[in-house]
Amino acid sequence: MTVSPVDFASLLCSRLCHDLLSPVGALNNGLELLADETDPAMRARCMDLLAESARASANKLKFFRLAFGAAGGFGDMVDMREARAAIEGLLADNRRTTLGWVVEEPQLPKPAVKILLNLALIGVEALVRGGRIDVGAEVHDTAIEIVVKIEGARIVLDPDLRRTLMQGEGSGEVTSRGAAAFLVHTLATEASGQVLVSEPAEGVMILGAAMRAV
């Protein structure tokens, strides 16, 4: 499937707006309540809610900056501490899901980091009741291997997302919901690599990518 750069940029923007709508909307609602509230205890509660919404918005923006954006400020290599912090921020308000970090490489090329972050995003969303996500990456000579393992009581990965990850296309046109999967496939393909997703199994799923080290 061919998606023009302009259309794909639009899909990523739509995805970003969708994910930011809730915390930014909460900020707006909190400010409206604060303007009308005179009780000190309630005003303090409003301030707490505003702080939570602002933190959630900042965490999502930091994640998408690395996962979708040009990640200005970084060169061709990205410090993996930044990648880990981005995923931890994504999970900050998701107390049902824990992160296991199995990455010893201090840095990885920017395309590999984008693949890792987007696979993590897809994995977190597949854990509809929460669980555990383990993220790993290794460099072998001229190849990079990335693995995201998810475990939980209920794992749901849309078949279209699965096909898009592995083949670059689903049953129809790429939507904003499938933008992350399309990005993963495209980046892996451009680096002479491939994306693999394990067959559905009870309580566990593995998403992985292998690519040429740039």
N, C-alpha and C. Protein backbone atom coordinates (compact mmCIF):
# COMPACT_ATOMS: atom_id res chain seq x y z
N MET A 1 0.84 -1.19 0.00
CA MET A 1 0.00 0.00 0.00
C MET A 1 0.88 1.24 0.00
N THR A 2 0.54 2.22 -0.85
CA THR A 2 1.31 3.45 -0.93
C THR A 2 0.55 4.57 -0.22
N VAL A 3 1.22 5.23 0.72
CA VAL A 3 0.64 6.36 1.43
C VAL A 3 1.58 7.54 1.21
N SER A 4 1.04 8.63 0.70
CA SER A 4 1.88 9.79 0.41
C SER A 4 2.42 10.37 1.71
N PRO A 5 3.59 11.03 1.66
CA PRO A 5 4.14 11.66 2.87
C PRO A 5 3.17 12.64 3.53
N VAL A 6 2.43 13.39 2.72
CA VAL A 6 1.48 14.36 3.27
C VAL A 6 0.35 13.63 4.00
N ASP A 7 -0.18 12.58 3.38
CA ASP A 7 -1.25 11.82 4.02
C ASP A 7 -0.78 11.17 5.31
N PHE A 8 0.46 10.64 5.29
CA PHE A 8 0.96 9.99 6.48
C PHE A 8 1.20 10.99 7.61
N ALA A 9 1.71 12.17 7.25
CA ALA A 9 1.89 13.23 8.25
C ALA A 9 0.54 13.61 8.86
N SER A 10 -0.50 13.63 8.03
CA SER A 10 -1.84 13.94 8.53
C SER A 10 -2.34 12.87 9.49
N LEU A 11 -2.04 11.60 9.17
CA LEU A 11 -2.45 10.51 10.05
C LEU A 11 -1.76 10.61 11.41
N LEU A 12 -0.47 10.93 11.40
CA LEU A 12 0.25 11.07 12.66
C LEU A 12 -0.28 12.24 13.47
N CYS A 13 -0.60 13.34 12.80
CA CYS A 13 -1.16 14.50 13.49
C CYS A 13 -2.52 14.15 14.10
N SER A 14 -3.32 13.41 13.37
CA SER A 14 -4.63 12.99 13.88
C SER A 14 -4.48 12.12 15.11
N ARG A 15 -3.51 11.20 15.06
CA ARG A 15 -3.26 10.33 16.20
C ARG A 15 -2.82 11.14 17.42
N LEU A 16 -1.92 12.09 17.20
CA LEU A 16 -1.44 12.94 18.28
C LEU A 16 -2.58 13.74 18.90
N CYS A 17 -3.41 14.35 18.05
CA CYS A 17 -4.54 15.15 18.54
C CYS A 17 -5.52 14.27 19.33
N HIS A 18 -5.76 13.07 18.84
CA HIS A 18 -6.68 12.15 19.53
C HIS A 18 -6.19 11.82 20.93
N ASP A 19 -4.89 11.55 21.05
CA ASP A 19 -4.35 11.15 22.35
C ASP A 19 -4.22 12.32 23.32
N LEU A 20 -4.10 13.53 22.79
CA LEU A 20 -3.96 14.70 23.66
C LEU A 20 -5.31 15.33 24.02
N LEU A 21 -6.36 14.93 23.32
CA LEU A 21 -7.66 15.54 23.54
C LEU A 21 -8.14 15.39 24.98
N SER A 22 -7.95 14.20 25.55
CA SER A 22 -8.44 13.95 26.91
C SER A 22 -7.72 14.79 27.96
N PRO A 23 -6.38 14.73 28.05
CA PRO A 23 -5.71 15.53 29.09
C PRO A 23 -5.84 17.03 28.89
N VAL A 24 -5.82 17.49 27.64
CA VAL A 24 -5.97 18.93 27.38
C VAL A 24 -7.40 19.37 27.68
N GLY A 25 -8.37 18.53 27.35
CA GLY A 25 -9.76 18.83 27.69
C GLY A 25 -9.95 18.91 29.19
N ALA A 26 -9.27 18.02 29.93
CA ALA A 26 -9.35 18.04 31.39
C ALA A 26 -8.76 19.34 31.95
N LEU A 27 -7.69 19.81 31.31
CA LEU A 27 -7.11 21.10 31.72
C LEU A 27 -8.12 22.22 31.55
N ASN A 28 -8.78 22.24 30.43
CA ASN A 28 -9.77 23.29 30.16
C ASN A 28 -10.92 23.23 31.16
N ASN A 29 -11.41 22.01 31.42
CA ASN A 29 -12.51 21.86 32.38
C ASN A 29 -12.08 22.28 33.77
N GLY A 30 -10.84 21.92 34.13
CA GLY A 30 -10.34 22.29 35.46
C GLY A 30 -10.23 23.79 35.64
N LEU A 31 -9.79 24.47 34.59
CA LEU A 31 -9.68 25.94 34.67
C LEU A 31 -11.05 26.59 34.80
N GLU A 32 -12.05 26.04 34.10
CA GLU A 32 -13.40 26.58 34.21
C GLU A 32 -13.96 26.38 35.61
N LEU A 33 -13.72 25.21 36.20
CA LEU A 33 -14.17 24.96 37.57
C LEU A 33 -13.47 25.87 38.56
N LEU A 34 -12.17 26.05 38.35
CA LEU A 34 -11.39 26.88 39.26
C LEU A 34 -11.87 28.32 39.25
N ALA A 35 -12.28 28.80 38.09
CA ALA A 35 -12.74 30.19 37.96
C ALA A 35 -14.02 30.44 38.76
N ASP A 36 -14.85 29.39 38.89
CA ASP A 36 -16.14 29.55 39.57
C ASP A 36 -16.13 29.06 41.01
N GLU A 37 -15.07 28.40 41.43
CA GLU A 37 -15.04 27.76 42.75
C GLU A 37 -14.45 28.72 43.80
N THR A 38 -15.12 28.79 44.94
CA THR A 38 -14.65 29.65 46.03
C THR A 38 -14.22 28.85 47.26
N ASP A 39 -14.67 27.60 47.37
CA ASP A 39 -14.31 26.78 48.53
C ASP A 39 -12.83 26.41 48.46
N PRO A 40 -12.04 26.70 49.51
CA PRO A 40 -10.59 26.42 49.47
C PRO A 40 -10.25 24.95 49.21
N ALA A 41 -11.00 24.05 49.82
CA ALA A 41 -10.72 22.62 49.63
C ALA A 41 -10.97 22.21 48.18
N MET A 42 -12.05 22.71 47.60
CA MET A 42 -12.36 22.36 46.22
C MET A 42 -11.36 23.01 45.26
N ARG A 43 -10.92 24.21 45.58
CA ARG A 43 -9.92 24.86 44.73
C ARG A 43 -8.60 24.08 44.77
N ALA A 44 -8.27 23.55 45.94
CA ALA A 44 -7.06 22.74 46.06
C ALA A 44 -7.19 21.47 45.23
N ARG A 45 -8.39 20.88 45.25
CA ARG A 45 -8.63 19.67 44.45
C ARG A 45 -8.53 19.99 42.96
N CYS A 46 -9.06 21.14 42.56
CA CYS A 46 -8.97 21.55 41.16
C CYS A 46 -7.51 21.72 40.74
N MET A 47 -6.69 22.30 41.61
CA MET A 47 -5.28 22.48 41.30
C MET A 47 -4.58 21.14 41.13
N ASP A 48 -4.96 20.16 41.97
CA ASP A 48 -4.38 18.81 41.85
C ASP A 48 -4.74 18.19 40.49
N LEU A 49 -6.00 18.35 40.10
CA LEU A 49 -6.44 17.80 38.82
C LEU A 49 -5.75 18.50 37.65
N LEU A 50 -5.55 19.81 37.77
CA LEU A 50 -4.85 20.54 36.73
C LEU A 50 -3.41 20.06 36.60
N ALA A 51 -2.77 19.82 37.76
CA ALA A 51 -1.38 19.34 37.75
C ALA A 51 -1.29 17.97 37.10
N GLU A 52 -2.25 17.08 37.41
CA GLU A 52 -2.26 15.74 36.83
C GLU A 52 -2.45 15.80 35.31
N SER A 53 -3.36 16.65 34.87
CA SER A 53 -3.63 16.77 33.43
C SER A 53 -2.43 17.37 32.70
N ALA A 54 -1.79 18.37 33.31
CA ALA A 54 -0.62 18.98 32.70
C ALA A 54 0.51 17.97 32.59
N ARG A 55 0.70 17.16 33.63
CA ARG A 55 1.75 16.14 33.60
C ARG A 55 1.47 15.08 32.53
N ALA A 56 0.21 14.67 32.43
CA ALA A 56 -0.15 13.67 31.41
C ALA A 56 0.07 14.22 30.01
N SER A 57 -0.28 15.49 29.80
CA SER A 57 -0.08 16.11 28.49
C SER A 57 1.40 16.18 28.14
N ALA A 58 2.22 16.59 29.11
CA ALA A 58 3.66 16.70 28.89
C ALA A 58 4.28 15.33 28.59
N ASN A 59 3.84 14.30 29.33
CA ASN A 59 4.38 12.95 29.12
C ASN A 59 4.05 12.45 27.71
N LYS A 60 2.82 12.67 27.27
CA LYS A 60 2.44 12.22 25.93
C LYS A 60 3.22 12.97 24.85
N LEU A 61 3.40 14.28 25.05
CA LEU A 61 4.14 15.06 24.07
C LEU A 61 5.59 14.59 23.98
N LYS A 62 6.21 14.31 25.13
CA LYS A 62 7.60 13.84 25.13
C LYS A 62 7.70 12.49 24.42
N PHE A 63 6.72 11.62 24.66
CA PHE A 63 6.74 10.31 24.00
C PHE A 63 6.61 10.46 22.49
N PHE A 64 5.60 11.22 22.05
CA PHE A 64 5.36 11.35 20.61
C PHE A 64 6.47 12.13 19.92
N ARG A 65 7.16 13.00 20.64
CA ARG A 65 8.28 13.71 20.05
C ARG A 65 9.35 12.72 19.58
N LEU A 66 9.60 11.70 20.41
CA LEU A 66 10.58 10.68 20.03
C LEU A 66 10.00 9.63 19.09
N ALA A 67 8.75 9.24 19.35
CA ALA A 67 8.15 8.14 18.58
C ALA A 67 7.73 8.55 17.19
N PHE A 68 7.22 9.77 17.03
CA PHE A 68 6.70 10.23 15.74
C PHE A 68 7.51 11.35 15.13
N GLY A 69 8.06 12.23 15.95
CA GLY A 69 8.67 13.45 15.45
C GLY A 69 10.11 13.28 15.03
N ALA A 70 10.72 14.42 14.67
CA ALA A 70 12.11 14.43 14.24
C ALA A 70 13.07 14.35 15.42
N ALA A 71 12.54 14.47 16.66
CA ALA A 71 13.37 14.37 17.86
C ALA A 71 14.53 15.35 17.80
N GLY A 72 14.19 16.63 17.59
CA GLY A 72 15.22 17.65 17.54
C GLY A 72 16.03 17.68 18.82
N GLY A 73 17.31 17.94 18.70
CA GLY A 73 18.18 17.92 19.87
C GLY A 73 19.01 16.65 19.93
N PHE A 74 18.58 15.61 19.19
CA PHE A 74 19.34 14.37 19.11
C PHE A 74 20.00 14.29 17.74
N GLY A 75 21.14 13.61 17.71
CA GLY A 75 21.80 13.38 16.44
C GLY A 75 21.25 12.11 15.81
N ASP A 76 22.11 11.38 15.12
CA ASP A 76 21.68 10.13 14.51
C ASP A 76 21.44 9.04 15.55
N MET A 77 22.08 9.19 16.72
CA MET A 77 21.93 8.21 17.81
C MET A 77 21.14 8.83 18.95
N VAL A 78 20.32 8.01 19.60
CA VAL A 78 19.49 8.48 20.71
C VAL A 78 19.88 7.75 21.98
N ASP A 79 20.05 8.50 23.05
CA ASP A 79 20.36 7.94 24.36
C ASP A 79 19.17 7.09 24.81
N MET A 80 19.42 5.83 25.16
CA MET A 80 18.33 4.94 25.53
C MET A 80 17.68 5.31 26.85
N ARG A 81 18.35 6.13 27.64
CA ARG A 81 17.69 6.64 28.85
C ARG A 81 16.50 7.52 28.49
N GLU A 82 16.63 8.23 27.39
CA GLU A 82 15.52 9.06 26.91
C GLU A 82 14.36 8.20 26.46
N ALA A 83 14.66 7.10 25.77
CA ALA A 83 13.61 6.20 25.30
C ALA A 83 12.89 5.56 26.48
N ARG A 84 13.67 5.14 27.48
CA ARG A 84 13.04 4.54 28.65
C ARG A 84 12.16 5.55 29.39
N ALA A 85 12.66 6.77 29.54
CA ALA A 85 11.88 7.81 30.22
C ALA A 85 10.58 8.09 29.47
N ALA A 86 10.64 8.03 28.13
CA ALA A 86 9.44 8.28 27.33
C ALA A 86 8.38 7.21 27.59
N ILE A 87 8.79 5.94 27.66
CA ILE A 87 7.83 4.87 27.93
C ILE A 87 7.32 4.94 29.36
N GLU A 88 8.20 5.25 30.30
CA GLU A 88 7.76 5.40 31.69
C GLU A 88 6.74 6.52 31.82
N GLY A 89 6.95 7.61 31.07
CA GLY A 89 5.98 8.70 31.08
C GLY A 89 4.65 8.27 30.50
N LEU A 90 4.70 7.46 29.44
CA LEU A 90 3.48 6.95 28.83
C LEU A 90 2.67 6.10 29.81
N LEU A 91 3.40 5.39 30.70
CA LEU A 91 2.75 4.50 31.66
C LEU A 91 2.47 5.17 33.00
N ALA A 92 2.85 6.44 33.15
CA ALA A 92 2.76 7.11 34.45
C ALA A 92 1.35 7.09 35.02
N ASP A 93 0.35 7.25 34.17
CA ASP A 93 -1.04 7.27 34.63
C ASP A 93 -1.74 5.93 34.41
N ASN A 94 -0.96 4.93 33.99
CA ASN A 94 -1.50 3.60 33.74
C ASN A 94 -0.96 2.66 34.83
N ARG A 95 -1.58 2.71 35.98
CA ARG A 95 -1.07 1.95 37.13
C ARG A 95 -1.29 0.46 37.00
N ARG A 96 -2.00 0.03 35.97
CA ARG A 96 -2.27 -1.39 35.78
C ARG A 96 -1.17 -2.09 34.99
N THR A 97 -0.26 -1.31 34.42
CA THR A 97 0.77 -1.90 33.56
C THR A 97 2.16 -1.53 34.07
N THR A 98 3.03 -2.54 34.19
CA THR A 98 4.40 -2.32 34.66
C THR A 98 5.38 -2.53 33.50
N LEU A 99 6.55 -1.90 33.62
CA LEU A 99 7.56 -1.95 32.57
C LEU A 99 8.78 -2.72 33.02
N GLY A 100 9.24 -3.62 32.16
CA GLY A 100 10.52 -4.28 32.36
C GLY A 100 11.46 -3.81 31.25
N TRP A 101 12.64 -3.33 31.62
CA TRP A 101 13.58 -2.74 30.66
C TRP A 101 14.79 -3.65 30.52
N VAL A 102 14.99 -4.21 29.33
CA VAL A 102 16.08 -5.14 29.08
C VAL A 102 16.91 -4.62 27.91
N VAL A 103 17.37 -3.40 28.03
CA VAL A 103 18.18 -2.77 26.99
C VAL A 103 19.50 -2.34 27.61
N GLU A 104 20.59 -2.97 27.18
CA GLU A 104 21.90 -2.62 27.71
C GLU A 104 22.65 -1.64 26.81
N GLU A 105 22.22 -1.52 25.57
CA GLU A 105 22.87 -0.59 24.66
C GLU A 105 22.67 0.84 25.16
N PRO A 106 23.73 1.65 25.26
CA PRO A 106 23.57 3.03 25.72
C PRO A 106 22.88 3.91 24.70
N GLN A 107 23.05 3.59 23.41
CA GLN A 107 22.46 4.37 22.34
C GLN A 107 22.02 3.45 21.21
N LEU A 108 21.01 3.91 20.46
CA LEU A 108 20.58 3.21 19.25
C LEU A 108 20.28 4.26 18.17
N PRO A 109 20.37 3.86 16.90
CA PRO A 109 20.01 4.80 15.83
C PRO A 109 18.57 5.26 15.98
N LYS A 110 18.32 6.47 15.54
CA LYS A 110 16.99 7.07 15.68
C LYS A 110 15.87 6.20 15.09
N PRO A 111 16.04 5.61 13.87
CA PRO A 111 14.96 4.76 13.35
C PRO A 111 14.65 3.56 14.25
N ALA A 112 15.70 2.96 14.85
CA ALA A 112 15.48 1.82 15.74
C ALA A 112 14.72 2.25 16.98
N VAL A 113 15.02 3.43 17.50
CA VAL A 113 14.32 3.94 18.68
C VAL A 113 12.85 4.19 18.36
N LYS A 114 12.58 4.72 17.17
CA LYS A 114 11.19 4.94 16.78
C LYS A 114 10.44 3.61 16.68
N ILE A 115 11.08 2.60 16.13
CA ILE A 115 10.45 1.28 16.05
C ILE A 115 10.17 0.76 17.45
N LEU A 116 11.15 0.85 18.34
CA LEU A 116 11.00 0.37 19.71
C LEU A 116 9.85 1.07 20.41
N LEU A 117 9.79 2.39 20.30
CA LEU A 117 8.74 3.15 21.00
C LEU A 117 7.36 2.85 20.44
N ASN A 118 7.26 2.74 19.13
CA ASN A 118 5.94 2.48 18.55
C ASN A 118 5.47 1.06 18.81
N LEU A 119 6.39 0.09 18.84
CA LEU A 119 6.00 -1.26 19.24
C LEU A 119 5.54 -1.28 20.69
N ALA A 120 6.22 -0.50 21.54
CA ALA A 120 5.81 -0.41 22.94
C ALA A 120 4.42 0.21 23.05
N LEU A 121 4.16 1.26 22.26
CA LEU A 121 2.84 1.89 22.27
C LEU A 121 1.76 0.91 21.87
N ILE A 122 2.01 0.16 20.81
CA ILE A 122 1.03 -0.83 20.35
C ILE A 122 0.83 -1.91 21.40
N GLY A 123 1.95 -2.33 22.05
CA GLY A 123 1.86 -3.35 23.08
C GLY A 123 1.05 -2.88 24.28
N VAL A 124 1.29 -1.66 24.73
CA VAL A 124 0.55 -1.12 25.88
C VAL A 124 -0.94 -1.07 25.57
N GLU A 125 -1.29 -0.63 24.37
CA GLU A 125 -2.71 -0.53 24.00
C GLU A 125 -3.36 -1.90 23.86
N ALA A 126 -2.56 -2.92 23.54
CA ALA A 126 -3.12 -4.27 23.42
C ALA A 126 -3.43 -4.88 24.79
N LEU A 127 -2.80 -4.35 25.85
CA LEU A 127 -3.06 -4.83 27.21
C LEU A 127 -4.29 -4.12 27.76
N VAL A 128 -5.44 -4.53 27.32
CA VAL A 128 -6.66 -3.80 27.62
C VAL A 128 -7.02 -3.82 29.11
N ARG A 129 -6.51 -4.80 29.84
CA ARG A 129 -6.75 -4.85 31.29
C ARG A 129 -5.45 -4.66 32.07
N GLY A 130 -4.44 -4.16 31.39
CA GLY A 130 -3.15 -3.98 32.05
C GLY A 130 -2.35 -5.26 32.08
N GLY A 131 -1.16 -5.17 32.63
CA GLY A 131 -0.28 -6.33 32.71
C GLY A 131 1.17 -5.89 32.80
N ARG A 132 2.00 -6.53 32.02
CA ARG A 132 3.43 -6.23 32.04
C ARG A 132 3.96 -6.15 30.61
N ILE A 133 4.84 -5.17 30.38
CA ILE A 133 5.50 -5.04 29.08
C ILE A 133 7.00 -5.04 29.30
N ASP A 134 7.69 -5.95 28.62
CA ASP A 134 9.14 -6.03 28.68
C ASP A 134 9.72 -5.58 27.35
N VAL A 135 10.64 -4.63 27.40
CA VAL A 135 11.22 -4.05 26.20
C VAL A 135 12.71 -4.40 26.15
N GLY A 136 13.14 -4.99 25.04
CA GLY A 136 14.54 -5.37 24.89
C GLY A 136 15.08 -4.98 23.53
N ALA A 137 16.40 -4.78 23.47
CA ALA A 137 17.06 -4.45 22.20
C ALA A 137 18.52 -4.85 22.29
N GLU A 138 19.03 -5.42 21.20
CA GLU A 138 20.44 -5.84 21.14
C GLU A 138 21.01 -5.52 19.77
N VAL A 139 22.30 -5.25 19.74
CA VAL A 139 23.00 -5.03 18.49
C VAL A 139 23.94 -6.21 18.26
N HIS A 140 23.77 -6.89 17.12
CA HIS A 140 24.62 -8.02 16.76
C HIS A 140 25.35 -7.68 15.46
N ASP A 141 26.62 -7.37 15.57
CA ASP A 141 27.42 -7.01 14.39
C ASP A 141 26.73 -5.89 13.61
N THR A 142 26.12 -6.22 12.49
CA THR A 142 25.49 -5.19 11.65
C THR A 142 23.97 -5.22 11.74
N ALA A 143 23.41 -5.90 12.73
CA ALA A 143 21.96 -6.02 12.85
C ALA A 143 21.49 -5.56 14.23
N ILE A 144 20.29 -5.02 14.27
CA ILE A 144 19.66 -4.63 15.52
C ILE A 144 18.39 -5.45 15.68
N GLU A 145 18.20 -6.03 16.86
CA GLU A 145 16.99 -6.78 17.16
C GLU A 145 16.25 -6.09 18.30
N ILE A 146 14.95 -5.91 18.10
CA ILE A 146 14.09 -5.26 19.08
C ILE A 146 12.96 -6.21 19.43
N VAL A 147 12.68 -6.37 20.71
CA VAL A 147 11.62 -7.27 21.16
C VAL A 147 10.77 -6.56 22.21
N VAL A 148 9.46 -6.66 22.03
CA VAL A 148 8.50 -6.16 23.02
C VAL A 148 7.59 -7.33 23.39
N LYS A 149 7.69 -7.76 24.64
CA LYS A 149 6.86 -8.87 25.13
C LYS A 149 5.80 -8.32 26.06
N ILE A 150 4.55 -8.69 25.82
CA ILE A 150 3.47 -8.24 26.68
C ILE A 150 2.79 -9.44 27.32
N GLU A 151 2.43 -9.27 28.58
CA GLU A 151 1.73 -10.31 29.33
C GLU A 151 0.57 -9.68 30.07
N GLY A 152 -0.59 -10.31 30.00
CA GLY A 152 -1.74 -9.77 30.69
C GLY A 152 -2.93 -10.70 30.62
N ALA A 153 -3.95 -10.36 31.41
CA ALA A 153 -5.14 -11.20 31.48
C ALA A 153 -5.92 -11.18 30.17
N ARG A 154 -5.85 -10.05 29.45
CA ARG A 154 -6.55 -9.97 28.17
C ARG A 154 -5.72 -9.14 27.21
N ILE A 155 -5.34 -9.75 26.09
CA ILE A 155 -4.54 -9.08 25.07
C ILE A 155 -5.36 -9.03 23.77
N VAL A 156 -5.54 -7.83 23.27
CA VAL A 156 -6.33 -7.65 22.04
C VAL A 156 -5.51 -6.83 21.05
N LEU A 157 -5.11 -7.45 19.96
CA LEU A 157 -4.41 -6.76 18.88
C LEU A 157 -5.25 -6.90 17.62
N ASP A 158 -5.75 -5.78 17.13
CA ASP A 158 -6.60 -5.79 15.94
C ASP A 158 -5.88 -6.50 14.79
N PRO A 159 -6.56 -7.43 14.10
CA PRO A 159 -5.93 -8.14 12.97
C PRO A 159 -5.38 -7.20 11.91
N ASP A 160 -6.05 -6.05 11.69
CA ASP A 160 -5.55 -5.09 10.72
C ASP A 160 -4.21 -4.49 11.15
N LEU A 161 -4.07 -4.21 12.45
CA LEU A 161 -2.81 -3.69 12.96
C LEU A 161 -1.71 -4.74 12.80
N ARG A 162 -2.05 -5.98 13.05
CA ARG A 162 -1.09 -7.06 12.91
C ARG A 162 -0.60 -7.17 11.47
N ARG A 163 -1.55 -7.12 10.52
CA ARG A 163 -1.17 -7.19 9.11
C ARG A 163 -0.36 -5.98 8.69
N THR A 164 -0.73 -4.81 9.20
CA THR A 164 0.01 -3.59 8.85
C THR A 164 1.43 -3.65 9.38
N LEU A 165 1.60 -4.16 10.58
CA LEU A 165 2.95 -4.31 11.15
C LEU A 165 3.82 -5.20 10.28
N MET A 166 3.27 -6.31 9.83
CA MET A 166 4.07 -7.31 9.15
C MET A 166 4.12 -7.09 7.63
N GLN A 167 3.03 -6.53 7.07
CA GLN A 167 2.94 -6.44 5.61
C GLN A 167 2.85 -5.00 5.10
N GLY A 168 2.61 -4.06 6.00
CA GLY A 168 2.49 -2.66 5.59
C GLY A 168 1.11 -2.27 5.14
N GLU A 169 0.15 -3.18 5.23
CA GLU A 169 -1.22 -2.86 4.85
C GLU A 169 -2.19 -3.79 5.56
N GLY A 170 -3.39 -3.25 5.83
CA GLY A 170 -4.44 -4.04 6.44
C GLY A 170 -5.49 -4.38 5.39
N SER A 171 -6.74 -4.44 5.83
CA SER A 171 -7.81 -4.79 4.90
C SER A 171 -8.33 -3.56 4.15
N GLY A 172 -7.91 -2.38 4.59
CA GLY A 172 -8.35 -1.15 3.93
C GLY A 172 -7.25 -0.11 4.00
N GLU A 173 -7.63 1.16 3.90
CA GLU A 173 -6.67 2.23 3.96
C GLU A 173 -6.11 2.37 5.38
N VAL A 174 -4.88 2.88 5.48
CA VAL A 174 -4.27 3.14 6.78
C VAL A 174 -5.03 4.27 7.46
N THR A 175 -5.38 4.08 8.72
CA THR A 175 -6.07 5.10 9.50
C THR A 175 -5.13 5.66 10.55
N SER A 176 -5.57 6.70 11.25
CA SER A 176 -4.73 7.27 12.31
C SER A 176 -4.44 6.24 13.39
N ARG A 177 -5.36 5.33 13.62
CA ARG A 177 -5.15 4.29 14.62
C ARG A 177 -4.03 3.34 14.21
N GLY A 178 -3.87 3.15 12.89
CA GLY A 178 -2.83 2.25 12.40
C GLY A 178 -1.54 2.95 12.02
N ALA A 179 -1.45 4.26 12.31
CA ALA A 179 -0.27 5.03 11.89
C ALA A 179 1.00 4.49 12.53
N ALA A 180 0.94 4.12 13.81
CA ALA A 180 2.14 3.61 14.49
C ALA A 180 2.61 2.32 13.86
N ALA A 181 1.66 1.43 13.53
CA ALA A 181 2.02 0.15 12.91
C ALA A 181 2.62 0.37 11.53
N PHE A 182 2.05 1.30 10.76
CA PHE A 182 2.57 1.58 9.42
C PHE A 182 3.97 2.17 9.51
N LEU A 183 4.20 3.04 10.50
CA LEU A 183 5.52 3.64 10.68
C LEU A 183 6.56 2.57 11.01
N VAL A 184 6.21 1.64 11.90
CA VAL A 184 7.12 0.56 12.26
C VAL A 184 7.51 -0.25 11.03
N HIS A 185 6.50 -0.66 10.26
CA HIS A 185 6.78 -1.46 9.06
C HIS A 185 7.65 -0.69 8.07
N THR A 186 7.34 0.57 7.86
CA THR A 186 8.08 1.38 6.88
C THR A 186 9.53 1.55 7.29
N LEU A 187 9.78 1.88 8.56
CA LEU A 187 11.14 2.07 9.03
C LEU A 187 11.95 0.78 8.96
N ALA A 188 11.31 -0.33 9.33
CA ALA A 188 12.01 -1.62 9.28
C ALA A 188 12.35 -2.00 7.83
N THR A 189 11.40 -1.77 6.93
CA THR A 189 11.62 -2.10 5.53
C THR A 189 12.73 -1.25 4.93
N GLU A 190 12.75 0.04 5.27
CA GLU A 190 13.80 0.93 4.76
C GLU A 190 15.18 0.53 5.24
N ALA A 191 15.24 -0.16 6.38
CA ALA A 191 16.52 -0.62 6.92
C ALA A 191 16.77 -2.08 6.60
N SER A 192 16.13 -2.57 5.53
CA SER A 192 16.30 -3.97 5.08
C SER A 192 15.94 -4.96 6.19
N GLY A 193 14.90 -4.63 6.94
CA GLY A 193 14.50 -5.51 8.04
C GLY A 193 13.08 -6.00 7.90
N GLN A 194 12.56 -6.58 8.97
CA GLN A 194 11.20 -7.09 8.98
C GLN A 194 10.63 -7.02 10.38
N VAL A 195 9.32 -7.09 10.44
CA VAL A 195 8.60 -7.06 11.72
C VAL A 195 7.89 -8.39 11.90
N LEU A 196 7.98 -8.94 13.09
CA LEU A 196 7.33 -10.21 13.40
C LEU A 196 6.41 -10.04 14.60
N VAL A 197 5.26 -10.70 14.54
CA VAL A 197 4.31 -10.70 15.65
C VAL A 197 3.94 -12.14 15.92
N SER A 198 4.06 -12.58 17.17
CA SER A 198 3.77 -13.97 17.50
C SER A 198 2.29 -14.27 17.30
N GLU A 199 1.99 -15.53 17.10
CA GLU A 199 0.60 -15.96 17.01
C GLU A 199 -0.09 -15.70 18.34
N PRO A 200 -1.38 -15.35 18.28
CA PRO A 200 -2.10 -15.10 19.54
C PRO A 200 -2.01 -16.29 20.48
N ALA A 201 -1.68 -16.02 21.74
CA ALA A 201 -1.60 -17.05 22.77
C ALA A 201 -2.20 -16.49 24.04
N GLU A 202 -2.64 -17.37 24.89
CA GLU A 202 -3.31 -16.92 26.11
C GLU A 202 -2.31 -16.21 27.04
N GLY A 203 -2.55 -14.94 27.26
CA GLY A 203 -1.79 -14.21 28.25
C GLY A 203 -0.44 -13.67 27.83
N VAL A 204 -0.01 -13.91 26.59
CA VAL A 204 1.31 -13.42 26.19
C VAL A 204 1.35 -13.17 24.68
N MET A 205 2.11 -12.15 24.29
CA MET A 205 2.33 -11.87 22.87
C MET A 205 3.68 -11.21 22.72
N ILE A 206 4.36 -11.49 21.63
CA ILE A 206 5.68 -10.91 21.37
C ILE A 206 5.65 -10.17 20.04
N LEU A 207 6.10 -8.93 20.08
CA LEU A 207 6.25 -8.11 18.88
C LEU A 207 7.73 -7.82 18.71
N GLY A 208 8.25 -8.04 17.52
CA GLY A 208 9.68 -7.85 17.34
C GLY A 208 10.03 -7.29 15.98
N ALA A 209 11.24 -6.77 15.87
CA ALA A 209 11.73 -6.25 14.60
C ALA A 209 13.23 -6.50 14.52
N ALA A 210 13.68 -6.84 13.33
CA ALA A 210 15.11 -7.00 13.06
C ALA A 210 15.43 -6.09 11.87
N MET A 211 16.55 -5.36 12.00
CA MET A 211 16.88 -4.40 10.96
C MET A 211 18.38 -4.22 10.86
N ARG A 212 18.81 -3.69 9.75
CA ARG A 212 20.22 -3.40 9.56
C ARG A 212 20.65 -2.23 10.45
N ALA A 213 21.77 -2.39 11.10
CA ALA A 213 22.29 -1.30 11.92
C ALA A 213 22.79 -0.20 11.00
N VAL A 214 22.26 1.01 11.20
CA VAL A 214 22.63 2.12 10.33
C VAL A 214 23.98 2.68 10.74
